[in-house]
């Protein structure tokens, strides 16, 4: 997955969390639009934000995304702009991830488990189907996985 300049990023993370700092810095470096929204109030309103601002990358915690998907995707929701939905901040069950994927039209939007990345220095593991076609198979078959080592990283 590539992220060209001009992408719109939405996250509700506060700056005390390293993921929010990373997204803030990376959005400047890559010339992305970081959408600033007051706070997550309830899931229904966020579908409208995604539709109105054509969000491409959405980083969301399990509580928030499950609130959004509890009644399925609304009929008037438009997620066609979404490239990635990054699930972060807490673990999810496989059943929950599969429910969220149905809600966001996976694989049109890549719904990825990114929980635990802050403990590994942020984004050392991941899936990138554009770089390696096997990643799409792994992403589909192993919904609980956070991915394979990114280029330049190894593990034992």
Protein backbone atom coordinates (compact mmCIF):
# COMPACT_ATOMS: atom_id res chain seq x y z
CA UNK A 1 0.00 0.00 0.00
CA UNK A 2 1.40 3.38 -0.96
CA UNK A 3 0.46 6.67 0.63
CA UNK A 4 0.98 9.56 -1.79
CA UNK A 5 0.95 13.25 -0.81
CA UNK A 6 -2.53 14.63 -0.25
CA UNK A 7 -3.92 11.63 1.62
CA UNK A 8 -6.33 12.39 4.44
CA UNK A 9 -5.60 10.81 7.82
CA UNK A 10 -8.08 10.53 10.71
CA UNK A 11 -7.16 9.43 14.22
CA UNK A 12 -8.52 10.19 17.65
CA UNK A 13 -5.27 9.42 19.45
CA UNK A 14 -3.91 12.02 21.82
CA UNK A 15 -0.27 13.09 21.71
CA UNK A 16 0.60 11.16 24.87
CA UNK A 17 0.45 8.04 22.69
CA UNK A 18 3.47 7.46 20.44
CA UNK A 19 1.22 6.44 17.54
CA UNK A 20 -0.34 9.91 17.46
CA UNK A 21 3.08 11.55 17.52
CA UNK A 22 4.21 9.28 14.68
CA UNK A 23 1.12 10.04 12.60
CA UNK A 24 1.58 13.79 13.21
CA UNK A 25 5.25 13.79 12.16
CA UNK A 26 4.78 11.43 9.21
CA UNK A 27 1.81 13.43 7.93
CA UNK A 28 4.05 16.50 7.75
CA UNK A 29 6.95 14.64 6.13
CA UNK A 30 4.77 13.01 3.47
CA UNK A 31 2.46 16.01 3.00
CA UNK A 32 -0.67 14.25 4.18
CA UNK A 33 -3.74 16.05 5.44
CA UNK A 34 -4.29 15.24 9.10
CA UNK A 35 -7.93 15.75 9.89
CA UNK A 36 -8.44 17.37 13.28
CA UNK A 37 -11.81 16.43 14.70
CA UNK A 38 -12.83 17.51 18.21
CA UNK A 39 -13.38 14.03 19.67
CA UNK A 40 -15.02 10.72 19.08
CA UNK A 41 -18.61 11.20 20.22
CA UNK A 42 -20.47 8.23 18.79
CA UNK A 43 -19.94 5.92 15.86
CA UNK A 44 -22.71 7.25 13.64
CA UNK A 45 -21.15 10.70 13.35
CA UNK A 46 -17.76 9.27 12.34
CA UNK A 47 -19.24 7.58 9.26
CA UNK A 48 -20.26 11.08 8.14
CA UNK A 49 -16.74 12.44 8.77
CA UNK A 50 -15.22 9.67 6.64
CA UNK A 51 -17.72 10.39 3.86
CA UNK A 52 -17.48 14.19 4.00
CA UNK A 53 -13.68 14.47 4.18
CA UNK A 54 -12.89 11.39 2.04
CA UNK A 55 -10.61 9.86 4.68
CA UNK A 56 -7.94 7.53 3.27
CA UNK A 57 -6.24 6.28 6.44
CA UNK A 58 -8.23 5.74 9.64
CA UNK A 59 -6.49 4.78 12.87
CA UNK A 60 -9.03 3.75 15.48
CA UNK A 61 -9.15 1.87 18.78
CA UNK A 62 -11.35 -1.19 19.34
CA UNK A 63 -13.94 0.58 21.49
CA UNK A 64 -14.48 3.24 18.84
CA UNK A 65 -14.60 0.94 15.82
CA UNK A 66 -16.89 -1.55 17.54
CA UNK A 67 -19.22 1.35 18.39
CA UNK A 68 -19.19 2.33 14.72
CA UNK A 69 -19.91 -1.23 13.55
CA UNK A 70 -22.36 -2.37 16.23
CA UNK A 71 -25.30 -1.98 13.83
CA UNK A 72 -23.29 -2.51 10.63
CA UNK A 73 -22.28 0.15 8.17
CA UNK A 74 -25.10 2.68 7.64
CA UNK A 75 -26.69 2.56 4.19
CA UNK A 76 -25.66 6.15 3.46
CA UNK A 77 -22.03 5.67 4.53
CA UNK A 78 -19.37 6.02 1.84
CA UNK A 79 -16.05 4.34 2.58
CA UNK A 80 -14.82 4.26 -1.02
CA UNK A 81 -11.96 6.64 -0.17
CA UNK A 82 -10.59 4.43 2.62
CA UNK A 83 -7.34 2.61 1.89
CA UNK A 84 -6.43 1.47 5.42
CA UNK A 85 -8.29 1.05 8.70
CA UNK A 86 -5.62 0.51 11.36
CA UNK A 87 -6.94 -1.14 14.53
CA UNK A 88 -4.75 0.02 17.40
CA UNK A 89 -4.64 0.44 21.15
CA UNK A 90 -6.02 -2.85 22.47
CA UNK A 91 -6.38 -6.47 21.37
CA UNK A 92 -9.39 -7.75 19.45
CA UNK A 93 -10.68 -11.26 18.92
CA UNK A 94 -10.64 -12.83 15.48
CA UNK A 95 -14.44 -12.65 15.37
CA UNK A 96 -14.36 -8.91 16.13
CA UNK A 97 -11.77 -8.25 13.42
CA UNK A 98 -13.80 -10.21 10.86
CA UNK A 99 -16.93 -8.23 11.85
CA UNK A 100 -15.04 -4.94 11.43
CA UNK A 101 -13.71 -6.08 8.04
CA UNK A 102 -17.25 -6.76 6.82
CA UNK A 103 -18.29 -3.35 8.10
CA UNK A 104 -15.51 -1.58 6.14
CA UNK A 105 -15.77 -3.66 2.94
CA UNK A 106 -12.47 -5.53 3.28
CA UNK A 107 -10.43 -5.92 1.06
CA UNK A 108 -11.41 -2.60 -0.58
CA UNK A 109 -10.25 -1.00 2.66
CA UNK A 110 -7.40 -2.94 4.25
CA UNK A 111 -8.49 -3.50 7.85
CA UNK A 112 -5.30 -4.30 9.76
CA UNK A 113 -4.54 -5.27 13.32
CA UNK A 114 -1.73 -2.95 14.47
CA UNK A 115 -2.04 -3.57 18.21
CA UNK A 116 1.33 -3.88 19.94
CA UNK A 117 3.36 -1.81 17.52
CA UNK A 118 4.25 0.81 20.14
CA UNK A 119 5.99 -1.91 22.15
CA UNK A 120 8.20 -2.66 19.14
CA UNK A 121 9.24 0.94 18.35
CA UNK A 122 6.24 1.59 16.05
CA UNK A 123 5.72 0.03 12.63
CA UNK A 124 8.46 -2.58 12.69
CA UNK A 125 5.90 -5.17 11.59
CA UNK A 126 3.15 -4.85 9.05
CA UNK A 127 1.47 -5.98 5.88
CA UNK A 128 2.09 -4.27 2.57
CA UNK A 129 0.26 -6.00 -0.29
CA UNK A 130 1.67 -3.46 -2.78
CA UNK A 131 5.22 -4.49 -1.87
CA UNK A 132 4.58 -8.23 -1.55
CA UNK A 133 1.48 -9.97 -2.95
CA UNK A 134 1.83 -12.70 -0.29
CA UNK A 135 0.96 -10.07 2.32
CA UNK A 136 -2.64 -9.96 1.10
CA UNK A 137 -2.95 -13.72 1.62
CA UNK A 138 -1.37 -13.44 5.09
CA UNK A 139 -3.56 -10.45 5.97
CA UNK A 140 -6.68 -12.36 4.90
CA UNK A 141 -5.77 -15.71 6.43
CA UNK A 142 -4.30 -14.44 9.73
CA UNK A 143 -6.53 -11.58 10.96
CA UNK A 144 -4.91 -11.52 14.42
CA UNK A 145 -1.42 -11.08 12.99
CA UNK A 146 0.25 -7.66 13.02
CA UNK A 147 2.35 -8.56 10.00
CA UNK A 148 5.83 -9.45 8.91
CA UNK A 149 9.05 -7.52 9.59
CA UNK A 150 9.31 -4.32 7.60
CA UNK A 151 12.35 -3.91 5.33
CA UNK A 152 15.49 -3.48 7.43
CA UNK A 153 14.14 -5.31 10.50
CA UNK A 154 14.88 -8.85 11.61
CA UNK A 155 13.84 -10.90 14.60
CA UNK A 156 14.80 -14.12 16.36
